């Protein structure tokens, strides 16, 4: 490891040379209180910025050991420090001048949810923060004086103010750690009390706008119906009350614009911890809960959808069903079966984004089209079996069909964003509006043995499936390009994740792209099944974080996705 003085000397020596001379700076440098590492140097001032990291040891940072004693507190502290570092860096980005991205200092911008990210990692040794810097140039000539400003003037101030405990608000950080521990406590209480979700009294569920996840000012605060109210004694906050949603089938109904989908959206994001001030800090959902919807045109590969779709007119086998272009009902059936495979114990559905013919068939339609002529067994006729035989609960928003009332254990009416328990009232009305007898075939849990195969070269050509030429003795190498939160390309193939609604951050999407690339290059062998590959990756994520995906260094810009989103990504990857 070299010293900071040596870095200064090197900067002086390469000043006004051509841009590639910056490559000589790669390496680690000891500053007074931290180690600065230049991990990757950009090719020119207009290219993606350089990767830089700083490691500060715990003795210098000075944070209390209990704030990084386990995985929960480490992730929470790292999130807090990333937000603090972003505030500091924003004051200095582009203060150093030059061409292209010269002077850019870019760090992860965190949302309302707390995620495990590569931007800041806390180990037993210390804190490592990763970020991007645009190395300054005039044209393509090095301007080392401006980079010296970044490394020796701007960055020391940012590190001192963001990563040294005595310079932070101790009370604010303590409250952040306490909140995370309280949220973890509620998650454990859900299991003990046979609940799938909890929404605290006083929660603010509406968001500022369709493009902002911040809480809406002046909105109605949540208040639980008395019949569903539960009390929890949290380790730090003390007693808290709110609505507990029990296992089983819960129906959310109400007039348009009264808050049905707002409640469901809060529940689907309740799989994540939220920051103080979000309004949904104590909205906690079973960590395996999965939001499902129809996806016209979705790729489906070797999925046993016979539980919902059978006896197709073309005699196509639905116990191992594949299609390049699924219909709404087929895609939703596949999504549910894939959710079972991913280990989800709660399904979240909104009638508005579901395929109508998949969800329900009314009595009149059943009389017109007999069940022998209809290959679709609607979700209405399977929801009860899913719970009783697979222990999978359902939370469903419905606004047009009354048939769902007959299968619900709990019915919640949203009235001007306030929940009302109308279960008993509905049960009385159901006696006056009976359903026709259930004609669904017996329940049989989906079975599958889905082998993942590589996309092989076509017709013996050295050109692979993605259009790349490669030598036969060389391993397949793929390039991943992330398109925001909605998906990524791997080689020449697009992976569309627009309808994976609990995927909330582009850094999660980036991690999914890296995970799929790793699997294609190192794990898919024509023998391993899709679940075996995904579970292997999830185990490595749990033990090693995202570092096993790195090629020489860990990059900023990744956030750990849930197991459910890893499955969703791999299921949408088109393969032979």
Protein backbone atom coordinates (compact mmCIF):
# COMPACT_ATOMS: atom_id res chain seq x y z
CA UNK A 1 0.00 0.00 0.00
CA UNK A 2 1.28 3.43 -0.93
CA UNK A 3 0.94 6.68 1.01
CA UNK A 4 -1.24 9.67 0.22
CA UNK A 5 1.95 11.68 -0.44
CA UNK A 6 2.90 9.19 -3.13
CA UNK A 7 -0.53 9.64 -4.71
CA UNK A 8 0.07 13.39 -4.81
CA UNK A 9 3.45 12.89 -6.44
CA UNK A 10 1.91 10.60 -9.05
CA UNK A 11 -0.81 13.14 -9.80
CA UNK A 12 1.80 15.83 -10.34
CA UNK A 13 3.80 13.54 -12.63
CA UNK A 14 0.91 12.69 -14.95
CA UNK A 15 -0.57 16.19 -15.15
CA UNK A 16 -1.33 17.23 -18.75
CA UNK A 17 -0.53 13.80 -20.11
CA UNK A 18 -3.06 11.91 -22.24
CA UNK A 19 -6.02 10.48 -20.35
CA UNK A 20 -4.90 6.79 -20.27
CA UNK A 21 -2.06 7.80 -17.91
CA UNK A 22 -4.71 7.93 -15.16
CA UNK A 23 -4.59 4.11 -15.22
CA UNK A 24 -1.31 4.26 -13.30
CA UNK A 25 -3.18 5.52 -10.22
CA UNK A 26 -5.00 2.24 -9.67
CA UNK A 27 -4.26 0.92 -6.19
CA UNK A 28 -4.68 1.66 -2.45
CA UNK A 29 -3.35 4.71 -0.59
CA UNK A 30 -3.10 5.30 3.13
CA UNK A 31 -4.52 8.65 4.23
CA UNK A 32 -4.45 9.88 7.82
CA UNK A 33 -7.74 8.27 8.92
CA UNK A 34 -8.70 5.98 6.05
CA UNK A 35 -7.53 4.02 3.04
CA UNK A 36 -8.47 5.34 -0.41
CA UNK A 37 -8.66 2.74 -3.18
CA UNK A 38 -8.86 3.54 -6.88
CA UNK A 39 -10.43 0.30 -8.09
CA UNK A 40 -11.17 1.02 -11.75
CA UNK A 41 -10.20 3.96 -13.96
CA UNK A 42 -12.46 5.14 -16.77
CA UNK A 43 -11.15 5.06 -20.33
CA UNK A 44 -11.87 8.72 -21.15
CA UNK A 45 -13.66 11.69 -19.55
CA UNK A 46 -16.90 10.86 -21.37
CA UNK A 47 -17.00 7.19 -20.30
CA UNK A 48 -18.64 5.76 -17.18
CA UNK A 49 -16.87 7.33 -14.18
CA UNK A 50 -14.08 5.68 -12.21
CA UNK A 51 -14.78 3.35 -9.26
CA UNK A 52 -13.35 4.57 -5.96
CA UNK A 53 -13.71 3.28 -2.39
CA UNK A 54 -12.76 4.41 1.08
CA UNK A 55 -12.21 2.15 4.07
CA UNK A 56 -12.23 3.59 7.57
CA UNK A 57 -11.45 1.29 10.47
CA UNK A 58 -13.76 1.10 13.49
CA UNK A 59 -11.20 2.66 15.82
CA UNK A 60 -11.24 5.78 13.64
CA UNK A 61 -14.98 5.78 12.95
CA UNK A 62 -15.83 5.31 16.62
CA UNK A 63 -19.33 3.86 16.30
CA UNK A 64 -20.64 1.87 19.29
CA UNK A 65 -20.13 -1.86 18.70
CA UNK A 66 -23.82 -2.60 19.32
CA UNK A 67 -24.64 -0.63 16.16
CA UNK A 68 -22.98 -3.28 13.98
CA UNK A 69 -23.37 -6.37 16.14
CA UNK A 70 -25.47 -8.39 13.66
CA UNK A 71 -26.69 -8.33 10.07
CA UNK A 72 -29.75 -6.19 10.83
CA UNK A 73 -27.81 -3.42 12.57
CA UNK A 74 -24.99 -3.51 9.98
CA UNK A 75 -27.42 -3.03 7.09
CA UNK A 76 -29.27 -0.29 8.99
CA UNK A 77 -26.09 1.57 9.92
CA UNK A 78 -24.75 1.25 6.37
CA UNK A 79 -27.99 2.69 4.97
CA UNK A 80 -27.84 5.59 7.43
CA UNK A 81 -24.22 6.36 6.53
CA UNK A 82 -24.89 6.13 2.79
CA UNK A 83 -27.63 8.75 3.11
CA UNK A 84 -25.32 10.95 5.19
CA UNK A 85 -22.48 10.56 2.68
CA UNK A 86 -24.78 11.49 -0.20
CA UNK A 87 -25.72 14.73 1.57
CA UNK A 88 -22.05 15.64 1.92
CA UNK A 89 -21.00 14.62 -1.59
CA UNK A 90 -23.80 16.60 -3.23
CA UNK A 91 -22.07 19.78 -2.03
CA UNK A 92 -18.93 18.96 -4.00
CA UNK A 93 -19.98 17.14 -7.16
CA UNK A 94 -18.82 19.00 -10.29
CA UNK A 95 -16.94 21.54 -8.14
CA UNK A 96 -13.85 20.21 -9.92
CA UNK A 97 -14.07 21.32 -13.55
CA UNK A 98 -13.31 19.77 -16.93
CA UNK A 99 -14.72 17.92 -19.93
CA UNK A 100 -17.45 15.28 -19.93
CA UNK A 101 -17.98 13.74 -16.52
CA UNK A 102 -15.00 15.57 -15.01
CA UNK A 103 -15.63 16.43 -11.35
CA UNK A 104 -18.63 14.14 -10.93
CA UNK A 105 -18.84 12.53 -7.49
CA UNK A 106 -21.71 10.08 -7.51
CA UNK A 107 -23.04 7.92 -4.68
CA UNK A 108 -26.08 5.71 -4.27
CA UNK A 109 -29.34 7.58 -3.81
CA UNK A 110 -31.42 5.63 -1.31
CA UNK A 111 -35.22 5.55 -1.40
CA UNK A 112 -37.73 5.13 1.41
CA UNK A 113 -36.78 1.50 1.95
CA UNK A 114 -33.68 0.17 3.73
CA UNK A 115 -31.73 -2.19 1.46
CA UNK A 116 -28.44 -4.03 1.74
CA UNK A 117 -26.17 -2.32 -0.80
CA UNK A 118 -22.61 -2.51 -2.03
CA UNK A 119 -22.41 1.30 -1.66
CA UNK A 120 -21.58 0.85 2.02
CA UNK A 121 -20.47 -2.35 3.68
CA UNK A 122 -19.70 -2.88 7.35
CA UNK A 123 -17.53 -5.76 8.51
CA UNK A 124 -15.77 -6.62 11.76
CA UNK A 125 -12.76 -4.60 10.57
CA UNK A 126 -14.44 -1.38 9.48
CA UNK A 127 -16.65 0.55 7.07
CA UNK A 128 -16.14 0.52 3.30
CA UNK A 129 -17.95 3.10 1.16
CA UNK A 130 -17.96 2.83 -2.65
CA UNK A 131 -18.74 5.58 -5.12
CA UNK A 132 -17.95 7.00 -8.56
CA UNK A 133 -15.64 9.87 -9.51
CA UNK A 134 -15.27 11.48 -12.91
CA UNK A 135 -11.51 11.99 -13.26
CA UNK A 136 -11.04 15.54 -14.61
CA UNK A 137 -9.59 16.38 -18.00
CA UNK A 138 -9.44 19.23 -20.48
CA UNK A 139 -10.50 17.55 -23.67
CA UNK A 140 -8.65 14.25 -23.26
CA UNK A 141 -5.70 15.77 -21.43
CA UNK A 142 -5.37 15.02 -17.71
CA UNK A 143 -6.17 17.85 -15.31
CA UNK A 144 -4.55 16.35 -12.22
CA UNK A 145 -4.92 19.52 -10.16
CA UNK A 146 -8.72 19.16 -10.19
CA UNK A 147 -8.53 15.48 -9.18
CA UNK A 148 -6.17 16.49 -6.38
CA UNK A 149 -8.88 18.84 -5.12
CA UNK A 150 -11.35 15.94 -5.01
CA UNK A 151 -9.01 13.54 -3.20
CA UNK A 152 -7.28 15.96 -0.84
CA UNK A 153 -9.85 18.72 -0.21
CA UNK A 154 -13.38 17.52 -0.88
CA UNK A 155 -13.25 13.84 0.06
CA UNK A 156 -11.58 14.20 3.51
CA UNK A 157 -14.34 16.61 4.56
CA UNK A 158 -17.08 14.25 3.31
CA UNK A 159 -15.56 11.24 5.07
CA UNK A 160 -15.03 13.14 8.33
CA UNK A 161 -18.62 14.42 8.41
CA UNK A 162 -20.30 11.21 7.26
CA UNK A 163 -18.33 8.36 8.83
CA UNK A 164 -16.97 9.66 12.15
CA UNK A 165 -19.44 9.05 14.97
CA UNK A 166 -18.65 12.17 16.98
CA UNK A 167 -19.65 14.34 14.01
CA UNK A 168 -23.12 12.78 13.72
CA UNK A 169 -26.27 13.10 15.76
CA UNK A 170 -25.97 10.26 18.23
CA UNK A 171 -29.66 10.42 19.12
CA UNK A 172 -30.76 10.33 15.48
CA UNK A 173 -28.60 7.30 14.78
CA UNK A 174 -29.77 5.57 17.93
CA UNK A 175 -33.40 6.07 16.88
CA UNK A 176 -32.58 4.63 13.46
CA UNK A 177 -31.09 1.47 14.97
CA UNK A 178 -33.94 1.17 17.49
CA UNK A 179 -36.52 1.49 14.70
CA UNK A 180 -34.90 -1.38 12.75
CA UNK A 181 -34.90 -3.58 15.85
CA UNK A 182 -38.56 -2.77 16.49
CA UNK A 183 -39.41 -3.64 12.86
CA UNK A 184 -37.59 -6.96 13.21
CA UNK A 185 -39.53 -7.63 16.42
CA UNK A 186 -42.85 -7.11 14.62
CA UNK A 187 -41.80 -9.56 11.89
CA UNK A 188 -41.18 -12.20 14.52
CA UNK A 189 -44.48 -11.41 16.21
CA UNK A 190 -46.31 -12.02 12.93
CA UNK A 191 -45.08 -15.62 12.98
CA UNK A 192 -45.95 -16.13 16.64
CA UNK A 193 -49.45 -14.68 16.27
CA UNK A 194 -50.33 -16.38 12.94
CA UNK A 195 -50.53 -13.02 11.20
CA UNK A 196 -49.40 -12.18 7.68
CA UNK A 197 -49.28 -8.39 8.07
CA UNK A 198 -49.53 -5.52 10.55
CA UNK A 199 -50.50 -1.88 9.88
CA UNK A 200 -50.01 0.48 12.82
CA UNK A 201 -52.52 3.05 13.96
CA UNK A 202 -51.35 6.44 12.76
CA UNK A 203 -49.61 5.12 9.63
CA UNK A 204 -49.66 7.35 6.55
CA UNK A 205 -50.30 5.11 3.55
CA UNK A 206 -50.99 7.52 0.63
CA UNK A 207 -47.94 8.69 -1.29
CA UNK A 208 -47.12 12.19 -2.48
CA UNK A 209 -47.67 11.33 -6.16
CA UNK A 210 -47.37 8.53 -8.69
CA UNK A 211 -43.67 9.34 -9.13
CA UNK A 212 -42.84 10.05 -5.50
CA UNK A 213 -42.79 7.52 -2.67
CA UNK A 214 -42.72 10.19 0.04
CA UNK A 215 -45.79 10.44 2.32
CA UNK A 216 -48.67 12.65 1.25
CA UNK A 217 -49.01 15.73 3.42
CA UNK A 218 -52.35 16.18 5.15
CA UNK A 219 -53.56 12.67 4.33
CA UNK A 220 -55.85 10.55 6.51
CA UNK A 221 -53.93 8.50 9.07
CA UNK A 222 -54.70 4.81 9.43
CA UNK A 223 -56.86 3.53 12.27
CA UNK A 224 -57.56 -0.17 12.77
CA UNK A 225 -61.05 -1.65 13.15
CA UNK A 226 -61.50 -2.68 16.76
CA UNK A 227 -62.12 -6.31 15.79
CA UNK A 228 -58.71 -6.57 14.10
CA UNK A 229 -56.71 -4.38 16.47
CA UNK A 230 -53.71 -5.98 18.13
CA UNK A 231 -51.21 -4.58 20.62
CA UNK A 232 -47.48 -5.21 20.56
CA UNK A 233 -44.88 -4.17 23.14
CA UNK A 234 -41.86 -3.20 21.05
CA UNK A 235 -38.37 -3.33 22.59
CA UNK A 236 -37.76 0.40 22.14
CA UNK A 237 -40.93 2.25 21.18
CA UNK A 238 -43.04 0.41 23.73
CA UNK A 239 -46.72 -0.39 23.16
CA UNK A 240 -48.05 0.02 19.65
CA UNK A 241 -51.48 -0.83 18.29
CA UNK A 242 -52.67 -1.54 14.78
CA UNK A 243 -54.49 -3.86 12.43
CA UNK A 244 -53.29 -7.45 12.36
CA UNK A 245 -54.24 -9.40 9.23
CA UNK A 246 -54.51 -13.10 10.11
CA UNK A 247 -53.48 -16.01 7.94
CA UNK A 248 -56.15 -17.13 5.50
CA UNK A 249 -58.03 -15.26 2.79
CA UNK A 250 -58.48 -11.52 3.30
CA UNK A 251 -60.62 -9.46 0.94
CA UNK A 252 -60.19 -5.68 0.64
CA UNK A 253 -63.19 -3.92 -0.90
CA UNK A 254 -64.69 -0.45 -1.16
CA UNK A 255 -65.69 2.22 -3.62
CA UNK A 256 -63.33 3.63 -6.19
CA UNK A 257 -60.63 6.01 -4.86
CA UNK A 258 -61.29 4.99 -1.22
CA UNK A 259 -57.85 3.49 -0.62
CA UNK A 260 -58.05 -0.22 -1.51
CA UNK A 261 -55.00 -0.26 -3.76
CA UNK A 262 -53.19 2.17 -1.45
CA UNK A 263 -53.48 -0.34 1.39
CA UNK A 264 -52.38 -3.21 -0.85
CA UNK A 265 -49.39 -1.19 -2.09
CA UNK A 266 -48.33 -0.51 1.50
CA UNK A 267 -48.60 -4.22 2.27
CA UNK A 268 -46.57 -5.29 -0.76
CA UNK A 269 -43.76 -2.91 0.26
CA UNK A 270 -44.09 -4.01 3.89
CA UNK A 271 -41.61 -6.78 3.07
CA UNK A 272 -38.95 -4.05 3.44
CA UNK A 273 -38.02 -1.87 6.41
CA UNK A 274 -38.77 1.83 5.90
CA UNK A 275 -36.92 4.87 7.17
CA UNK A 276 -38.15 7.16 9.94
CA UNK A 277 -40.68 9.68 8.60
CA UNK A 278 -41.91 7.48 5.76
CA UNK A 279 -45.31 6.98 7.37
CA UNK A 280 -45.14 3.21 6.84
CA UNK A 281 -42.37 2.48 9.36
CA UNK A 282 -44.56 -0.03 11.20
CA UNK A 283 -46.36 -1.50 8.19
CA UNK A 284 -44.84 -4.96 8.22
CA UNK A 285 -45.72 -7.88 5.94
CA UNK A 286 -44.58 -11.51 5.88
CA UNK A 287 -41.15 -11.37 4.26
CA UNK A 288 -42.12 -13.95 1.60
CA UNK A 289 -45.24 -12.08 0.44
CA UNK A 290 -45.44 -11.78 -3.34
CA UNK A 291 -47.50 -9.42 -5.49
CA UNK A 292 -48.87 -11.18 -8.57
CA UNK A 293 -50.56 -9.89 -11.70
CA UNK A 294 -51.21 -10.84 -15.32
CA UNK A 295 -48.44 -10.18 -17.84
CA UNK A 296 -49.55 -10.46 -21.46
CA UNK A 297 -46.66 -11.62 -23.66
CA UNK A 298 -44.59 -13.09 -20.83
CA UNK A 299 -42.16 -15.93 -21.47
CA UNK A 300 -43.04 -19.14 -19.58
CA UNK A 301 -40.82 -22.22 -19.50
CA UNK A 302 -41.71 -25.75 -18.30
CA UNK A 303 -44.19 -24.68 -15.61
CA UNK A 304 -46.86 -27.02 -14.25
CA UNK A 305 -49.97 -24.83 -14.57
CA UNK A 306 -52.40 -27.77 -14.54
CA UNK A 307 -53.77 -26.59 -11.20
CA UNK A 308 -55.42 -23.71 -13.09
CA UNK A 309 -55.36 -24.62 -16.79
CA UNK A 310 -56.04 -28.05 -18.22
CA UNK A 311 -57.60 -29.89 -21.16
CA UNK A 312 -56.62 -27.32 -23.76
CA UNK A 313 -58.32 -27.76 -27.17
CA UNK A 314 -54.93 -28.28 -28.83
CA UNK A 315 -54.13 -31.03 -26.30
CA UNK A 316 -51.01 -29.17 -25.16
CA UNK A 317 -49.53 -30.55 -21.95
CA UNK A 318 -50.03 -28.10 -19.09
CA UNK A 319 -48.00 -30.08 -16.55
CA UNK A 320 -44.88 -28.84 -18.32
CA UNK A 321 -46.11 -25.77 -20.12
CA UNK A 322 -43.98 -23.41 -22.20
CA UNK A 323 -44.82 -20.41 -24.35
CA UNK A 324 -42.99 -17.44 -25.83
CA UNK A 325 -46.08 -15.24 -25.56
CA UNK A 326 -48.37 -16.02 -22.62
CA UNK A 327 -51.92 -14.69 -22.36
CA UNK A 328 -53.01 -12.79 -19.28
CA UNK A 329 -54.60 -15.83 -17.62
CA UNK A 330 -51.71 -18.17 -18.51
CA UNK A 331 -49.10 -15.72 -17.25
CA UNK A 332 -50.94 -15.27 -13.95
CA UNK A 333 -51.32 -19.02 -13.49
CA UNK A 334 -47.59 -19.43 -14.14
CA UNK A 335 -46.80 -16.58 -11.72
CA UNK A 336 -48.69 -18.28 -8.90
CA UNK A 337 -47.01 -21.64 -9.49
CA UNK A 338 -43.61 -19.94 -9.68
CA UNK A 339 -44.47 -18.13 -6.43
CA UNK A 340 -45.15 -21.46 -4.74
CA UNK A 341 -41.78 -22.69 -5.98
CA UNK A 342 -40.10 -19.55 -4.59
CA UNK A 343 -41.47 -20.29 -1.13
CA UNK A 344 -44.02 -17.47 -0.92
CA UNK A 345 -46.54 -17.89 1.86
CA UNK A 346 -48.67 -14.85 1.03
CA UNK A 347 -50.07 -13.85 -2.36
CA UNK A 348 -51.16 -10.25 -2.95
CA UNK A 349 -53.53 -9.65 -5.85
CA UNK A 350 -55.48 -6.70 -7.20
CA UNK A 351 -58.50 -7.46 -9.37
CA UNK A 352 -57.63 -4.41 -11.50
CA UNK A 353 -54.31 -5.91 -12.65
CA UNK A 354 -55.49 -9.53 -12.87
CA UNK A 355 -56.89 -11.44 -15.83
CA UNK A 356 -60.66 -11.47 -15.35
CA UNK A 357 -61.19 -14.97 -16.74
CA UNK A 358 -58.44 -16.28 -14.49
CA UNK A 359 -59.89 -14.85 -11.30
CA UNK A 360 -63.58 -15.75 -11.52
CA UNK A 361 -66.42 -17.07 -13.71
CA UNK A 362 -69.83 -15.77 -12.73
CA UNK A 363 -72.91 -17.99 -12.50
CA UNK A 364 -74.41 -16.83 -15.79
CA UNK A 365 -71.22 -17.59 -17.70
CA UNK A 366 -71.04 -21.03 -16.11
CA UNK A 367 -74.54 -21.77 -17.38
CA UNK A 368 -73.76 -20.53 -20.89
CA UNK A 369 -70.34 -22.21 -21.16
CA UNK A 370 -70.32 -25.51 -19.27
CA UNK A 371 -67.30 -26.39 -17.15
CA UNK A 372 -66.40 -29.24 -19.54
CA UNK A 373 -65.74 -26.62 -22.26
CA UNK A 374 -63.68 -24.29 -20.05
CA UNK A 375 -60.00 -25.22 -19.53
CA UNK A 376 -59.43 -22.50 -16.87
CA UNK A 377 -60.10 -23.24 -13.22
CA UNK A 378 -60.45 -19.75 -11.72
CA UNK A 379 -58.42 -18.59 -8.75
CA UNK A 380 -61.70 -18.24 -6.83
CA UNK A 381 -61.95 -22.04 -6.75
CA UNK A 382 -58.33 -22.62 -5.75
CA UNK A 383 -57.67 -19.99 -3.09
CA UNK A 384 -59.11 -22.04 -0.25
CA UNK A 385 -57.08 -25.12 -1.18
CA UNK A 386 -53.93 -23.03 -1.47
CA UNK A 387 -54.38 -21.99 2.13
CA UNK A 388 -55.57 -25.27 3.63
CA UNK A 389 -53.18 -27.57 1.74
CA UNK A 390 -50.16 -25.36 1.03
CA UNK A 391 -50.52 -22.80 3.89
CA UNK A 392 -50.46 -19.93 1.40
CA UNK A 393 -52.59 -16.96 2.43
CA UNK A 394 -54.18 -14.51 0.01
CA UNK A 395 -54.85 -10.78 0.33
CA UNK A 396 -57.07 -9.70 -2.54
CA UNK A 397 -58.40 -6.30 -3.61
CA UNK A 398 -61.77 -6.68 -5.35
CA UNK A 399 -64.11 -4.06 -6.73
CA UNK A 400 -66.42 -5.69 -9.25
CA UNK A 401 -67.17 -9.32 -8.41
CA UNK A 402 -69.08 -10.32 -5.30
CA UNK A 403 -68.09 -13.98 -5.70
CA UNK A 404 -64.93 -13.43 -3.66
CA UNK A 405 -66.98 -12.64 -0.56
CA UNK A 406 -67.88 -16.34 -0.29
CA UNK A 407 -64.26 -17.51 0.16
CA UNK A 408 -63.01 -14.70 2.42
CA UNK A 409 -62.13 -15.24 6.08
CA UNK A 410 -61.85 -11.48 6.66
CA UNK A 411 -63.48 -8.69 4.64
CA UNK A 412 -62.12 -5.17 5.06
CA UNK A 413 -63.97 -2.25 3.52
CA UNK A 414 -61.91 0.86 2.82
CA UNK A 415 -64.06 3.93 3.41
CA UNK A 416 -62.24 7.23 2.73
CA UNK A 417 -58.92 5.48 3.52
CA UNK A 418 -60.31 4.11 6.79
CA UNK A 419 -60.68 0.30 7.19
CA UNK A 420 -63.96 -1.17 8.41
CA UNK A 421 -64.36 -4.85 9.28
CA UNK A 422 -67.56 -5.97 7.49
CA UNK A 423 -66.94 -9.72 7.74
CA UNK A 424 -70.09 -10.56 9.73
CA UNK A 425 -72.29 -8.38 7.53
CA UNK A 426 -70.94 -10.09 4.41
CA UNK A 427 -71.50 -13.58 5.84
CA UNK A 428 -75.16 -12.80 6.35
CA UNK A 429 -75.51 -11.48 2.81
CA UNK A 430 -73.74 -14.53 1.36
CA UNK A 431 -76.60 -16.70 2.56
CA UNK A 432 -78.92 -14.74 0.26
CA UNK A 433 -76.55 -14.94 -2.73
CA UNK A 434 -75.17 -18.48 -2.76
CA UNK A 435 -72.53 -19.55 -5.28
CA UNK A 436 -72.99 -22.44 -7.65
CA UNK A 437 -71.31 -25.64 -6.56
CA UNK A 438 -67.54 -25.69 -7.02
CA UNK A 439 -66.70 -27.75 -10.11
CA UNK A 440 -62.92 -27.62 -9.80
CA UNK A 441 -60.99 -30.87 -10.04
CA UNK A 442 -59.20 -32.12 -6.94
CA UNK A 443 -56.25 -30.08 -5.70
CA UNK A 444 -52.85 -31.40 -6.70
CA UNK A 445 -49.75 -29.44 -5.78
CA UNK A 446 -47.78 -28.35 -8.88
CA UNK A 447 -44.82 -30.54 -9.76
CA UNK A 448 -41.88 -29.48 -11.88
CA UNK A 449 -38.30 -30.42 -12.59
CA UNK A 450 -37.12 -27.49 -14.62
CA UNK A 451 -33.61 -27.95 -15.96
CA UNK A 452 -31.86 -24.73 -16.98
CA UNK A 453 -30.01 -25.03 -20.28
CA UNK A 454 -27.56 -22.64 -21.87
CA UNK A 455 -28.34 -20.87 -25.08
CA UNK A 456 -26.03 -22.86 -27.36
CA UNK A 457 -24.40 -21.77 -30.64
CA UNK A 458 -26.67 -22.08 -33.65
CA UNK A 459 -25.95 -24.67 -36.39
CA UNK A 460 -22.43 -25.32 -35.14
CA UNK A 461 -21.45 -21.67 -35.60
CA UNK A 462 -18.95 -19.99 -33.32
CA UNK A 463 -21.50 -17.21 -33.05
CA UNK A 464 -23.48 -17.71 -29.85
CA UNK A 465 -27.16 -17.14 -29.15
CA UNK A 466 -26.49 -13.48 -28.31
CA UNK A 467 -24.67 -12.72 -31.58
CA UNK A 468 -21.16 -12.83 -30.15
CA UNK A 469 -18.29 -14.63 -31.83
CA UNK A 470 -16.26 -16.71 -29.41
CA UNK A 471 -13.69 -19.46 -29.52
CA UNK A 472 -15.03 -22.89 -28.62
CA UNK A 473 -12.51 -23.34 -25.80
CA UNK A 474 -13.34 -19.97 -24.20
CA UNK A 475 -16.05 -19.59 -21.52
CA UNK A 476 -19.15 -17.64 -22.42
CA UNK A 477 -18.81 -13.96 -21.48
CA UNK A 478 -21.86 -11.75 -21.42
CA UNK A 479 -22.36 -8.04 -21.07
CA UNK A 480 -25.17 -6.76 -18.83
CA UNK A 481 -26.74 -3.35 -19.30
CA UNK A 482 -29.33 -2.16 -16.77
CA UNK A 483 -32.34 -0.15 -17.95
CA UNK A 484 -33.36 1.45 -14.67
CA UNK A 485 -35.66 -0.51 -12.38
CA UNK A 486 -37.63 -2.10 -15.21
CA UNK A 487 -35.13 -4.61 -16.58
CA UNK A 488 -31.78 -5.23 -18.20
CA UNK A 489 -30.19 -6.73 -21.27
CA UNK A 490 -27.87 -9.70 -21.07
CA UNK A 491 -26.02 -10.15 -24.31
CA UNK A 492 -28.64 -9.33 -26.92
CA UNK A 493 -31.57 -10.57 -24.85
CA UNK A 494 -33.88 -8.31 -22.84
CA UNK A 495 -35.16 -9.38 -19.43
CA UNK A 496 -38.38 -7.47 -18.75
CA UNK A 497 -39.08 -6.89 -15.03
CA UNK A 498 -41.66 -4.10 -15.34
CA UNK A 499 -44.38 -6.15 -13.68
CA UNK A 500 -42.27 -7.47 -10.82
CA UNK A 501 -43.81 -4.85 -8.58
CA UNK A 502 -41.84 -5.46 -5.38
CA UNK A 503 -38.62 -4.75 -7.22
CA UNK A 504 -38.15 -1.16 -6.06
CA UNK A 505 -34.64 -0.02 -6.93
CA UNK A 506 -32.50 -0.02 -10.06
CA UNK A 507 -29.62 -1.31 -7.94
CA UNK A 508 -31.64 -4.45 -7.22
CA UNK A 509 -32.16 -4.81 -10.97
CA UNK A 510 -28.42 -4.42 -11.49
CA UNK A 511 -27.78 -7.17 -8.95
CA UNK A 512 -30.28 -9.45 -10.69
CA UNK A 513 -28.44 -8.90 -13.97
CA UNK A 514 -25.14 -9.77 -12.29
CA UNK A 515 -26.66 -12.87 -10.66
CA UNK A 516 -28.07 -14.10 -13.96
CA UNK A 517 -24.74 -13.46 -15.71
CA UNK A 518 -22.94 -15.43 -12.98
CA UNK A 519 -25.42 -18.30 -13.34
CA UNK A 520 -25.18 -18.42 -17.15
CA UNK A 521 -21.38 -18.36 -17.10
CA UNK A 522 -20.73 -20.64 -14.13
CA UNK A 523 -23.78 -22.61 -12.95
CA UNK A 524 -26.11 -23.52 -15.82
CA UNK A 525 -24.92 -26.89 -17.07
CA UNK A 526 -28.02 -28.64 -18.40
CA UNK A 527 -28.23 -30.69 -15.19
CA UNK A 528 -29.09 -28.27 -12.40
CA UNK A 529 -32.73 -27.28 -12.01
CA UNK A 530 -33.81 -23.65 -11.83
CA UNK A 531 -34.62 -23.90 -8.08
CA UNK A 532 -31.23 -25.51 -7.38
CA UNK A 533 -29.44 -22.66 -9.14
CA UNK A 534 -31.49 -19.93 -7.47
CA UNK A 535 -31.12 -21.47 -4.02
CA UNK A 536 -27.36 -21.82 -4.52
CA UNK A 537 -27.16 -18.12 -5.42
CA UNK A 538 -29.36 -17.09 -2.48
CA UNK A 539 -27.16 -19.06 -0.07
CA UNK A 540 -24.07 -17.31 -1.43
CA UNK A 541 -25.84 -13.94 -1.09
CA UNK A 542 -26.68 -14.73 2.52
CA UNK A 543 -23.11 -15.75 3.39
CA UNK A 544 -21.02 -13.47 1.18
CA UNK A 545 -23.26 -10.61 0.10
CA UNK A 546 -22.73 -9.48 -3.48
CA UNK A 547 -18.94 -9.68 -3.28
CA UNK A 548 -18.83 -13.10 -4.99
CA UNK A 549 -20.07 -11.45 -8.18
CA UNK A 550 -17.12 -9.06 -8.38
CA UNK A 551 -14.29 -9.39 -10.84
CA UNK A 552 -11.29 -8.12 -8.91
CA UNK A 553 -13.21 -5.50 -6.93
CA UNK A 554 -16.71 -4.92 -5.56
CA UNK A 555 -18.55 -2.17 -7.40
CA UNK A 556 -20.94 0.40 -6.07
CA UNK A 557 -24.40 0.21 -7.59
CA UNK A 558 -25.88 -3.11 -6.40
CA UNK A 559 -28.59 -3.83 -3.84
CA UNK A 560 -29.55 -7.30 -2.63
CA UNK A 561 -32.92 -8.50 -4.03
CA UNK A 562 -35.23 -10.91 -2.24
CA UNK A 563 -35.39 -14.59 -3.14
CA UNK A 564 -38.79 -13.96 -4.76
CA UNK A 565 -37.34 -11.39 -7.17
CA UNK A 566 -34.40 -13.66 -8.03
CA UNK A 567 -36.88 -16.38 -9.02
CA UNK A 568 -38.95 -13.83 -10.96
CA UNK A 569 -35.88 -12.71 -12.90
CA UNK A 570 -34.75 -16.21 -13.81
CA UNK A 571 -38.29 -17.17 -14.81
CA UNK A 572 -38.37 -14.29 -17.31
CA UNK A 573 -35.02 -15.17 -18.86
CA UNK A 574 -35.75 -16.67 -22.28
CA UNK A 575 -33.89 -19.92 -22.82
CA UNK A 576 -34.25 -23.01 -25.05
